[in-house]
Amino acid sequence: HIPAYYLIDSAKGETPEHALKENLVRITSKVRKL
């Protein structure tokens, strides 16, 4: 109803790309659940 950004989680990595590659499945699952 009100578009917004939500802090979902943190991800560890050497770079943002590495952090996403290592954590995208978990983050996607968390978004689905929330």
Full PDB file with SEQRES, HELIX, SHEET, SSBOND, CRYST1, ORIGX, SCALE, CONECT and MASTER records, all heavy atoms in Angstrom:
SEQRES   1 A   34  HIS ILE PRO ALA TYR TYR LEU ILE ASP SER ALA LYS GLY          
SEQRES   2 A   34  GLU THR PRO GLU HIS ALA LEU LYS GLU ASN LEU VAL ARG          
SEQRES   3 A   34  ILE THR SER LYS VAL ARG LYS LEU                              
HELIX    1 AA1 PRO A   16  LYS A   33  1                                  18    
CRYST1    1.000    1.000    1.000  90.00  90.00  90.00 P 1           1          
ORIGX1      1.000000  0.000000  0.000000        0.00000                         
ORIGX2      0.000000  1.000000  0.000000        0.00000                         
ORIGX3      0.000000  0.000000  1.000000        0.00000                         
SCALE1      1.000000  0.000000  0.000000        0.00000                         
SCALE2      0.000000  1.000000  0.000000        0.00000                         
SCALE3      0.000000  0.000000  1.000000        0.00000                         
ATOM      1  N   HIS A   1       0.832  -1.215   0.000  1.00  0.00           N  
ATOM      2  CA  HIS A   1       0.000   0.000   0.000  1.00  0.00           C  
ATOM      3  C   HIS A   1       0.857   1.252   0.000  1.00  0.00           C  
ATOM      4  O   HIS A   1       0.530   2.241  -0.650  1.00  0.00           O  
ATOM      5  CB  HIS A   1      -0.945   0.003   1.205  1.00  0.00           C  
ATOM      6  CG  HIS A   1      -1.941  -1.112   1.182  1.00  0.00           C  
ATOM      7  ND1 HIS A   1      -2.869  -1.259   0.172  1.00  0.00           N  
ATOM      8  CD2 HIS A   1      -2.135  -2.146   2.025  1.00  0.00           C  
ATOM      9  CE1 HIS A   1      -3.597  -2.332   0.402  1.00  0.00           C  
ATOM     10  NE2 HIS A   1      -3.173  -2.904   1.523  1.00  0.00           N  
ATOM     11  N   ILE A   2       1.943   1.192   0.741  1.00  0.00           N  
ATOM     12  CA  ILE A   2       2.902   2.294   0.764  1.00  0.00           C  
ATOM     13  C   ILE A   2       4.256   1.712   0.361  1.00  0.00           C  
ATOM     14  O   ILE A   2       4.900   1.022   1.153  1.00  0.00           O  
ATOM     15  CB  ILE A   2       2.993   2.929   2.167  1.00  0.00           C  
ATOM     16  CG1 ILE A   2       1.626   3.468   2.592  1.00  0.00           C  
ATOM     17  CG2 ILE A   2       4.052   4.019   2.187  1.00  0.00           C  
ATOM     18  CD1 ILE A   2       1.570   3.973   4.011  1.00  0.00           C  
ATOM     19  N   PRO A   3       4.681   1.940  -0.877  1.00  0.00           N  
ATOM     20  CA  PRO A   3       5.968   1.392  -1.312  1.00  0.00           C  
ATOM     21  C   PRO A   3       7.101   1.860  -0.404  1.00  0.00           C  
ATOM     22  O   PRO A   3       7.152   3.021  -0.012  1.00  0.00           O  
ATOM     23  CB  PRO A   3       6.130   1.950  -2.730  1.00  0.00           C  
ATOM     24  CG  PRO A   3       4.732   2.249  -3.176  1.00  0.00           C  
ATOM     25  CD  PRO A   3       4.006   2.674  -1.936  1.00  0.00           C  
ATOM     26  N   ALA A   4       7.981   0.906  -0.041  1.00  0.00           N  
ATOM     27  CA  ALA A   4       9.069   1.245   0.874  1.00  0.00           C  
ATOM     28  C   ALA A   4      10.207   0.237   0.735  1.00  0.00           C  
ATOM     29  O   ALA A   4      10.014  -0.866   0.241  1.00  0.00           O  
ATOM     30  CB  ALA A   4       8.550   1.231   2.314  1.00  0.00           C  
ATOM     31  N   TYR A   5      11.389   0.656   1.197  1.00  0.00           N  
ATOM     32  CA  TYR A   5      12.539  -0.238   1.301  1.00  0.00           C  
ATOM     33  C   TYR A   5      12.546  -0.839   2.700  1.00  0.00           C  
ATOM     34  O   TYR A   5      12.327  -0.133   3.685  1.00  0.00           O  
ATOM     35  CB  TYR A   5      13.853   0.527   1.099  1.00  0.00           C  
ATOM     36  CG  TYR A   5      14.086   0.959  -0.316  1.00  0.00           C  
ATOM     37  CD1 TYR A   5      13.678   2.214  -0.752  1.00  0.00           C  
ATOM     38  CD2 TYR A   5      14.715   0.116  -1.227  1.00  0.00           C  
ATOM     39  CE1 TYR A   5      13.895   2.615  -2.054  1.00  0.00           C  
ATOM     40  CE2 TYR A   5      14.936   0.518  -2.533  1.00  0.00           C  
ATOM     41  CZ  TYR A   5      14.522   1.768  -2.941  1.00  0.00           C  
ATOM     42  OH  TYR A   5      14.731   2.170  -4.225  1.00  0.00           O  
ATOM     43  N   TYR A   6      12.806  -2.140   2.785  1.00  0.00           N  
ATOM     44  CA  TYR A   6      12.871  -2.835   4.062  1.00  0.00           C  
ATOM     45  C   TYR A   6      14.240  -3.477   4.223  1.00  0.00           C  
ATOM     46  O   TYR A   6      14.727  -4.121   3.300  1.00  0.00           O  
ATOM     47  CB  TYR A   6      11.805  -3.932   4.140  1.00  0.00           C  
ATOM     48  CG  TYR A   6      10.409  -3.382   4.146  1.00  0.00           C  
ATOM     49  CD1 TYR A   6       9.721  -3.176   2.955  1.00  0.00           C  
ATOM     50  CD2 TYR A   6       9.778  -3.052   5.341  1.00  0.00           C  
ATOM     51  CE1 TYR A   6       8.434  -2.663   2.963  1.00  0.00           C  
ATOM     52  CE2 TYR A   6       8.500  -2.543   5.349  1.00  0.00           C  
ATOM     53  CZ  TYR A   6       7.828  -2.341   4.158  1.00  0.00           C  
ATOM     54  OH  TYR A   6       6.560  -1.828   4.163  1.00  0.00           O  
ATOM     55  N   LEU A   7      14.825  -3.299   5.400  1.00  0.00           N  
ATOM     56  CA  LEU A   7      16.082  -3.960   5.709  1.00  0.00           C  
ATOM     57  C   LEU A   7      15.772  -5.430   5.964  1.00  0.00           C  
ATOM     58  O   LEU A   7      15.016  -5.765   6.865  1.00  0.00           O  
ATOM     59  CB  LEU A   7      16.730  -3.331   6.944  1.00  0.00           C  
ATOM     60  CG  LEU A   7      18.029  -3.955   7.415  1.00  0.00           C  
ATOM     61  CD1 LEU A   7      19.100  -3.861   6.335  1.00  0.00           C  
ATOM     62  CD2 LEU A   7      18.493  -3.281   8.696  1.00  0.00           C  
ATOM     63  N   ILE A   8      16.321  -6.307   5.141  1.00  0.00           N  
ATOM     64  CA  ILE A   8      16.014  -7.729   5.213  1.00  0.00           C  
ATOM     65  C   ILE A   8      17.049  -8.487   6.015  1.00  0.00           C  
ATOM     66  O   ILE A   8      16.736  -9.307   6.862  1.00  0.00           O  
ATOM     67  CB  ILE A   8      15.919  -8.341   3.792  1.00  0.00           C  
ATOM     68  CG1 ILE A   8      14.778  -7.688   3.019  1.00  0.00           C  
ATOM     69  CG2 ILE A   8      15.752  -9.841   3.839  1.00  0.00           C  
ATOM     70  CD1 ILE A   8      13.415  -7.857   3.644  1.00  0.00           C  
ATOM     71  N   ASP A   9      18.316  -8.222   5.743  1.00  0.00           N  
ATOM     72  CA  ASP A   9      19.369  -9.007   6.361  1.00  0.00           C  
ATOM     73  C   ASP A   9      20.709  -8.374   6.025  1.00  0.00           C  
ATOM     74  O   ASP A   9      20.767  -7.360   5.336  1.00  0.00           O  
ATOM     75  CB  ASP A   9      19.333 -10.440   5.817  1.00  0.00           C  
ATOM     76  CG  ASP A   9      19.837 -11.468   6.804  1.00  0.00           C  
ATOM     77  OD1 ASP A   9      20.595 -11.100   7.718  1.00  0.00           O  
ATOM     78  OD2 ASP A   9      19.488 -12.643   6.650  1.00  0.00           O  
ATOM     79  N   SER A  10      21.753  -9.002   6.493  1.00  0.00           N  
ATOM     80  CA  SER A  10      23.101  -8.616   6.091  1.00  0.00           C  
ATOM     81  C   SER A  10      23.732  -9.817   5.394  1.00  0.00           C  
ATOM     82  O   SER A  10      23.286 -10.950   5.565  1.00  0.00           O  
ATOM     83  CB  SER A  10      23.933  -8.193   7.302  1.00  0.00           C  
ATOM     84  OG  SER A  10      24.026  -9.245   8.223  1.00  0.00           O  
ATOM     85  N   ALA A  11      24.744  -9.527   4.594  1.00  0.00           N  
ATOM     86  CA  ALA A  11      25.431 -10.588   3.854  1.00  0.00           C  
ATOM     87  C   ALA A  11      26.924 -10.310   3.891  1.00  0.00           C  
ATOM     88  O   ALA A  11      27.353  -9.181   3.658  1.00  0.00           O  
ATOM     89  CB  ALA A  11      24.919 -10.635   2.420  1.00  0.00           C  
ATOM     90  N   LYS A  12      27.704 -11.344   4.178  1.00  0.00           N  
ATOM     91  CA  LYS A  12      29.160 -11.214   4.220  1.00  0.00           C  
ATOM     92  C   LYS A  12      29.756 -11.569   2.873  1.00  0.00           C  
ATOM     93  O   LYS A  12      29.319 -12.513   2.220  1.00  0.00           O  
ATOM     94  CB  LYS A  12      29.747 -12.148   5.276  1.00  0.00           C  
ATOM     95  CG  LYS A  12      29.458 -11.762   6.688  1.00  0.00           C  
ATOM     96  CD  LYS A  12      30.144 -12.715   7.643  1.00  0.00           C  
ATOM     97  CE  LYS A  12      29.809 -12.382   9.074  1.00  0.00           C  
ATOM     98  NZ  LYS A  12      30.460 -13.308  10.005  1.00  0.00           N  
ATOM     99  N   GLY A  13      30.785 -10.815   2.493  1.00  0.00           N  
ATOM    100  CA  GLY A  13      31.491 -11.115   1.260  1.00  0.00           C  
ATOM    101  C   GLY A  13      32.656 -10.178   1.054  1.00  0.00           C  
ATOM    102  O   GLY A  13      32.744  -9.129   1.686  1.00  0.00           O  
ATOM    103  N   GLU A  14      33.538 -10.565   0.160  1.00  0.00           N  
ATOM    104  CA  GLU A  14      34.674  -9.720  -0.188  1.00  0.00           C  
ATOM    105  C   GLU A  14      34.202  -8.481  -0.950  1.00  0.00           C  
ATOM    106  O   GLU A  14      34.776  -7.407  -0.819  1.00  0.00           O  
ATOM    107  CB  GLU A  14      35.682 -10.496  -1.041  1.00  0.00           C  
ATOM    108  CG  GLU A  14      36.305 -11.689  -0.331  1.00  0.00           C  
ATOM    109  CD  GLU A  14      37.142 -11.292   0.869  1.00  0.00           C  
ATOM    110  OE1 GLU A  14      37.745 -10.196   0.861  1.00  0.00           O  
ATOM    111  OE2 GLU A  14      37.199 -12.087   1.823  1.00  0.00           O  
ATOM    112  N   THR A  15      33.172  -8.659  -1.763  1.00  0.00           N  
ATOM    113  CA  THR A  15      32.568  -7.584  -2.549  1.00  0.00           C  
ATOM    114  C   THR A  15      31.056  -7.731  -2.452  1.00  0.00           C  
ATOM    115  O   THR A  15      30.554  -8.792  -2.049  1.00  0.00           O  
ATOM    116  CB  THR A  15      32.973  -7.690  -4.038  1.00  0.00           C  
ATOM    117  OG1 THR A  15      32.423  -8.913  -4.564  1.00  0.00           O  
ATOM    118  CG2 THR A  15      34.474  -7.671  -4.218  1.00  0.00           C  
ATOM    119  N   PRO A  16      30.288  -6.713  -2.855  1.00  0.00           N  
ATOM    120  CA  PRO A  16      28.828  -6.865  -2.863  1.00  0.00           C  
ATOM    121  C   PRO A  16      28.380  -8.023  -3.753  1.00  0.00           C  
ATOM    122  O   PRO A  16      27.453  -8.760  -3.414  1.00  0.00           O  
ATOM    123  CB  PRO A  16      28.322  -5.531  -3.400  1.00  0.00           C  
ATOM    124  CG  PRO A  16      29.401  -4.561  -3.086  1.00  0.00           C  
ATOM    125  CD  PRO A  16      30.683  -5.350  -3.198  1.00  0.00           C  
ATOM    126  N   GLU A  17      29.055  -8.194  -4.895  1.00  0.00           N  
ATOM    127  CA  GLU A  17      28.716  -9.287  -5.808  1.00  0.00           C  
ATOM    128  C   GLU A  17      28.906 -10.641  -5.131  1.00  0.00           C  
ATOM    129  O   GLU A  17      28.051 -11.514  -5.224  1.00  0.00           O  
ATOM    130  CB  GLU A  17      29.576  -9.218  -7.085  1.00  0.00           C  
ATOM    131  CG  GLU A  17      29.330  -8.012  -7.946  1.00  0.00           C  
ATOM    132  CD  GLU A  17      30.181  -6.801  -7.555  1.00  0.00           C  
ATOM    133  OE1 GLU A  17      30.813  -6.790  -6.471  1.00  0.00           O  
ATOM    134  OE2 GLU A  17      30.200  -5.840  -8.340  1.00  0.00           O  
ATOM    135  N   HIS A  18      30.037 -10.805  -4.450  1.00  0.00           N  
ATOM    136  CA  HIS A  18      30.331 -12.050  -3.745  1.00  0.00           C  
ATOM    137  C   HIS A  18      29.305 -12.288  -2.640  1.00  0.00           C  
ATOM    138  O   HIS A  18      28.812 -13.408  -2.471  1.00  0.00           O  
ATOM    139  CB  HIS A  18      31.750 -11.989  -3.168  1.00  0.00           C  
ATOM    140  CG  HIS A  18      32.131 -13.195  -2.397  1.00  0.00           C  
ATOM    141  ND1 HIS A  18      32.193 -13.200  -1.021  1.00  0.00           N  
ATOM    142  CD2 HIS A  18      32.434 -14.458  -2.795  1.00  0.00           C  
ATOM    143  CE1 HIS A  18      32.529 -14.400  -0.601  1.00  0.00           C  
ATOM    144  NE2 HIS A  18      32.686 -15.191  -1.657  1.00  0.00           N  
ATOM    145  N   ALA A  19      28.975 -11.250  -1.890  1.00  0.00           N  
ATOM    146  CA  ALA A  19      27.988 -11.380  -0.816  1.00  0.00           C  
ATOM    147  C   ALA A  19      26.640 -11.832  -1.370  1.00  0.00           C  
ATOM    148  O   ALA A  19      25.977 -12.694  -0.783  1.00  0.00           O  
ATOM    149  CB  ALA A  19      27.846 -10.054  -0.079  1.00  0.00           C  
ATOM    150  N   LEU A  20      26.236 -11.279  -2.507  1.00  0.00           N  
ATOM    151  CA  LEU A  20      24.959 -11.683  -3.113  1.00  0.00           C  
ATOM    152  C   LEU A  20      25.000 -13.119  -3.604  1.00  0.00           C  
ATOM    153  O   LEU A  20      24.070 -13.889  -3.362  1.00  0.00           O  
ATOM    154  CB  LEU A  20      24.600 -10.765  -4.276  1.00  0.00           C  
ATOM    155  CG  LEU A  20      23.940  -9.457  -3.895  1.00  0.00           C  
ATOM    156  CD1 LEU A  20      23.734  -8.602  -5.134  1.00  0.00           C  
ATOM    157  CD2 LEU A  20      22.622  -9.697  -3.191  1.00  0.00           C  
ATOM    158  N   LYS A  21      26.070 -13.480  -4.290  1.00  0.00           N  
ATOM    159  CA  LYS A  21      26.172 -14.834  -4.818  1.00  0.00           C  
ATOM    160  C   LYS A  21      26.102 -15.875  -3.707  1.00  0.00           C  
ATOM    161  O   LYS A  21      25.490 -16.921  -3.861  1.00  0.00           O  
ATOM    162  CB  LYS A  21      27.464 -15.002  -5.620  1.00  0.00           C  
ATOM    163  CG  LYS A  21      27.423 -14.321  -6.949  1.00  0.00           C  
ATOM    164  CD  LYS A  21      28.740 -14.463  -7.679  1.00  0.00           C  
ATOM    165  CE  LYS A  21      28.737 -13.667  -8.962  1.00  0.00           C  
ATOM    166  NZ  LYS A  21      30.025 -13.687  -9.639  1.00  0.00           N  
ATOM    167  N   GLU A  22      26.732 -15.557  -2.571  1.00  0.00           N  
ATOM    168  CA  GLU A  22      26.772 -16.499  -1.463  1.00  0.00           C  
ATOM    169  C   GLU A  22      25.473 -16.537  -0.654  1.00  0.00           C  
ATOM    170  O   GLU A  22      25.230 -17.501   0.065  1.00  0.00           O  
ATOM    171  CB  GLU A  22      27.940 -16.154  -0.528  1.00  0.00           C  
ATOM    172  CG  GLU A  22      29.292 -16.332  -1.162  1.00  0.00           C  
ATOM    173  CD  GLU A  22      29.572 -17.767  -1.538  1.00  0.00           C  
ATOM    174  OE1 GLU A  22      29.291 -18.669  -0.732  1.00  0.00           O  
ATOM    175  OE2 GLU A  22      30.069 -17.990  -2.665  1.00  0.00           O  
ATOM    176  N   ASN A  23      24.651 -15.503  -0.755  1.00  0.00           N  
ATOM    177  CA  ASN A  23      23.494 -15.380   0.132  1.00  0.00           C  
ATOM    178  C   ASN A  23      22.157 -15.162  -0.562  1.00  0.00           C  
ATOM    179  O   ASN A  23      21.136 -15.032   0.116  1.00  0.00           O  
ATOM    180  CB  ASN A  23      23.731 -14.214   1.107  1.00  0.00           C  
ATOM    181  CG  ASN A  23      24.902 -14.458   2.014  1.00  0.00           C  
ATOM    182  OD1 ASN A  23      24.800 -15.191   2.982  1.00  0.00           O  
ATOM    183  ND2 ASN A  23      26.045 -13.861   1.687  1.00  0.00           N  
ATOM    184  N   LEU A  24      22.129 -15.126  -1.888  1.00  0.00           N  
ATOM    185  CA  LEU A  24      20.900 -14.773  -2.594  1.00  0.00           C  
ATOM    186  C   LEU A  24      19.763 -15.761  -2.342  1.00  0.00           C  
ATOM    187  O   LEU A  24      18.616 -15.352  -2.167  1.00  0.00           O  
ATOM    188  CB  LEU A  24      21.156 -14.629  -4.093  1.00  0.00           C  
ATOM    189  CG  LEU A  24      20.019 -14.001  -4.885  1.00  0.00           C  
ATOM    190  CD1 LEU A  24      19.703 -12.596  -4.375  1.00  0.00           C  
ATOM    191  CD2 LEU A  24      20.356 -13.959  -6.361  1.00  0.00           C  
ATOM    192  N   VAL A  25      20.048 -17.042  -2.282  1.00  0.00           N  
ATOM    193  CA  VAL A  25      18.992 -18.031  -2.038  1.00  0.00           C  
ATOM    194  C   VAL A  25      18.373 -17.802  -0.659  1.00  0.00           C  
ATOM    195  O   VAL A  25      17.142 -17.775  -0.509  1.00  0.00           O  
ATOM    196  CB  VAL A  25      19.545 -19.464  -2.172  1.00  0.00           C  
ATOM    197  CG1 VAL A  25      18.519 -20.481  -1.718  1.00  0.00           C  
ATOM    198  CG2 VAL A  25      19.969 -19.740  -3.600  1.00  0.00           C  
ATOM    199  N   ARG A  26      19.213 -17.608   0.336  1.00  0.00           N  
ATOM    200  CA  ARG A  26      18.723 -17.363   1.702  1.00  0.00           C  
ATOM    201  C   ARG A  26      17.926 -16.067   1.779  1.00  0.00           C  
ATOM    202  O   ARG A  26      16.851 -16.011   2.386  1.00  0.00           O  
ATOM    203  CB  ARG A  26      19.909 -17.303   2.670  1.00  0.00           C  
ATOM    204  CG  ARG A  26      19.519 -17.004   4.102  1.00  0.00           C  
ATOM    205  CD  ARG A  26      20.743 -16.977   5.015  1.00  0.00           C  
ATOM    206  NE  ARG A  26      21.769 -16.024   4.627  1.00  0.00           N  
ATOM    207  CZ  ARG A  26      21.713 -14.712   4.881  1.00  0.00           C  
ATOM    208  NH1 ARG A  26      20.689 -14.197   5.524  1.00  0.00           N  
ATOM    209  NH2 ARG A  26      22.710 -13.927   4.507  1.00  0.00           N  
ATOM    210  N   ILE A  27      18.419 -15.022   1.142  1.00  0.00           N  
ATOM    211  CA  ILE A  27      17.746 -13.722   1.160  1.00  0.00           C  
ATOM    212  C   ILE A  27      16.401 -13.809   0.447  1.00  0.00           C  
ATOM    213  O   ILE A  27      15.392 -13.295   0.929  1.00  0.00           O  
ATOM    214  CB  ILE A  27      18.641 -12.640   0.539  1.00  0.00           C  
ATOM    215  CG1 ILE A  27      19.845 -12.389   1.459  1.00  0.00           C  
ATOM    216  CG2 ILE A  27      17.866 -11.357   0.292  1.00  0.00           C  
ATOM    217  CD1 ILE A  27      20.961 -11.619   0.818  1.00  0.00           C  
ATOM    218  N   THR A  28      16.376 -14.484  -0.699  1.00  0.00           N  
ATOM    219  CA  THR A  28      15.125 -14.653  -1.446  1.00  0.00           C  
ATOM    220  C   THR A  28      14.101 -15.402  -0.604  1.00  0.00           C  
ATOM    221  O   THR A  28      12.925 -15.009  -0.546  1.00  0.00           O  
ATOM    222  CB  THR A  28      15.384 -15.395  -2.771  1.00  0.00           C  
ATOM    223  OG1 THR A  28      16.348 -14.661  -3.534  1.00  0.00           O  
ATOM    224  CG2 THR A  28      14.114 -15.544  -3.580  1.00  0.00           C  
ATOM    225  N   SER A  29      14.535 -16.446   0.059  1.00  0.00           N  
ATOM    226  CA  SER A  29      13.650 -17.222   0.925  1.00  0.00           C  
ATOM    227  C   SER A  29      13.107 -16.362   2.069  1.00  0.00           C  
ATOM    228  O   SER A  29      11.914 -16.435   2.406  1.00  0.00           O  
ATOM    229  CB  SER A  29      14.406 -18.427   1.472  1.00  0.00           C  
ATOM    230  OG  SER A  29      13.617 -19.147   2.365  1.00  0.00           O  
ATOM    231  N   LYS A  30      13.965 -15.547   2.632  1.00  0.00           N  
ATOM    232  CA  LYS A  30      13.544 -14.679   3.734  1.00  0.00           C  
ATOM    233  C   LYS A  30      12.523 -13.648   3.259  1.00  0.00           C  
ATOM    234  O   LYS A  30      11.536 -13.378   3.946  1.00  0.00           O  
ATOM    235  CB  LYS A  30      14.756 -13.990   4.353  1.00  0.00           C  
ATOM    236  CG  LYS A  30      14.457 -13.291   5.640  1.00  0.00           C  
ATOM    237  CD  LYS A  30      15.726 -12.934   6.377  1.00  0.00           C  
ATOM    238  CE  LYS A  30      15.389 -12.346   7.739  1.00  0.00           C  
ATOM    239  NZ  LYS A  30      16.615 -12.048   8.493  1.00  0.00           N  
ATOM    240  N   VAL A  31      12.733 -13.075   2.071  1.00  0.00           N  
ATOM    241  CA  VAL A  31      11.772 -12.122   1.507  1.00  0.00           C  
ATOM    242  C   VAL A  31      10.427 -12.805   1.288  1.00  0.00           C  
ATOM    243  O   VAL A  31       9.379 -12.261   1.639  1.00  0.00           O  
ATOM    244  CB  VAL A  31      12.296 -11.505   0.187  1.00  0.00           C  
ATOM    245  CG1 VAL A  31      11.202 -10.755  -0.553  1.00  0.00           C  
ATOM    246  CG2 VAL A  31      13.478 -10.594   0.461  1.00  0.00           C  
ATOM    247  N   ARG A  32      10.448 -14.011   0.726  1.00  0.00           N  
ATOM    248  CA  ARG A  32       9.201 -14.759   0.507  1.00  0.00           C  
ATOM    249  C   ARG A  32       8.431 -14.948   1.810  1.00  0.00           C  
ATOM    250  O   ARG A  32       7.226 -14.747   1.869  1.00  0.00           O  
ATOM    251  CB  ARG A  32       9.485 -16.128  -0.095  1.00  0.00           C  
ATOM    252  CG  ARG A  32       9.733 -16.112  -1.552  1.00  0.00           C  
ATOM    253  CD  ARG A  32       9.613 -17.508  -2.148  1.00  0.00           C  
ATOM    254  NE  ARG A  32       9.991 -17.446  -3.525  1.00  0.00           N  
ATOM    255  CZ  ARG A  32       9.225 -16.948  -4.489  1.00  0.00           C  
ATOM    256  NH1 ARG A  32       8.041 -16.477  -4.205  1.00  0.00           N  
ATOM    257  NH2 ARG A  32       9.647 -16.923  -5.730  1.00  0.00           N  
ATOM    258  N   LYS A  33       9.166 -15.328   2.849  1.00  0.00           N  
ATOM    259  CA  LYS A  33       8.526 -15.590   4.137  1.00  0.00           C  
ATOM    260  C   LYS A  33       7.984 -14.300   4.762  1.00  0.00           C  
ATOM    261  O   LYS A  33       6.839 -14.251   5.211  1.00  0.00           O  
ATOM    262  CB  LYS A  33       9.528 -16.256   5.080  1.00  0.00           C  
ATOM    263  CG  LYS A  33       8.956 -16.656   6.401  1.00  0.00           C  
ATOM    264  CD  LYS A  33       9.979 -17.381   7.246  1.00  0.00           C  
ATOM    265  CE  LYS A  33       9.400 -17.740   8.608  1.00  0.00           C  
ATOM    266  NZ  LYS A  33      10.398 -18.393   9.440  1.00  0.00           N  
ATOM    267  N   LEU A  34       8.800 -13.257   4.797  1.00  0.00           N  
ATOM    268  CA  LEU A  34       8.392 -12.003   5.427  1.00  0.00           C  
ATOM    269  C   LEU A  34       7.208 -11.331   4.734  1.00  0.00           C  
ATOM    270  O   LEU A  34       6.364 -10.719   5.386  1.00  0.00           O  
ATOM    271  CB  LEU A  34       9.570 -11.024   5.469  1.00  0.00           C  
ATOM    272  CG  LEU A  34      10.694 -11.357   6.431  1.00  0.00           C  
ATOM    273  CD1 LEU A  34      11.875 -10.415   6.212  1.00  0.00           C  
ATOM    274  CD2 LEU A  34      10.205 -11.258   7.873  1.00  0.00           C  
TER     275      LEU A  34                                                      
MASTER        0    0    0    1    0    0    0    6  274    1    0    3          
END                                                                             
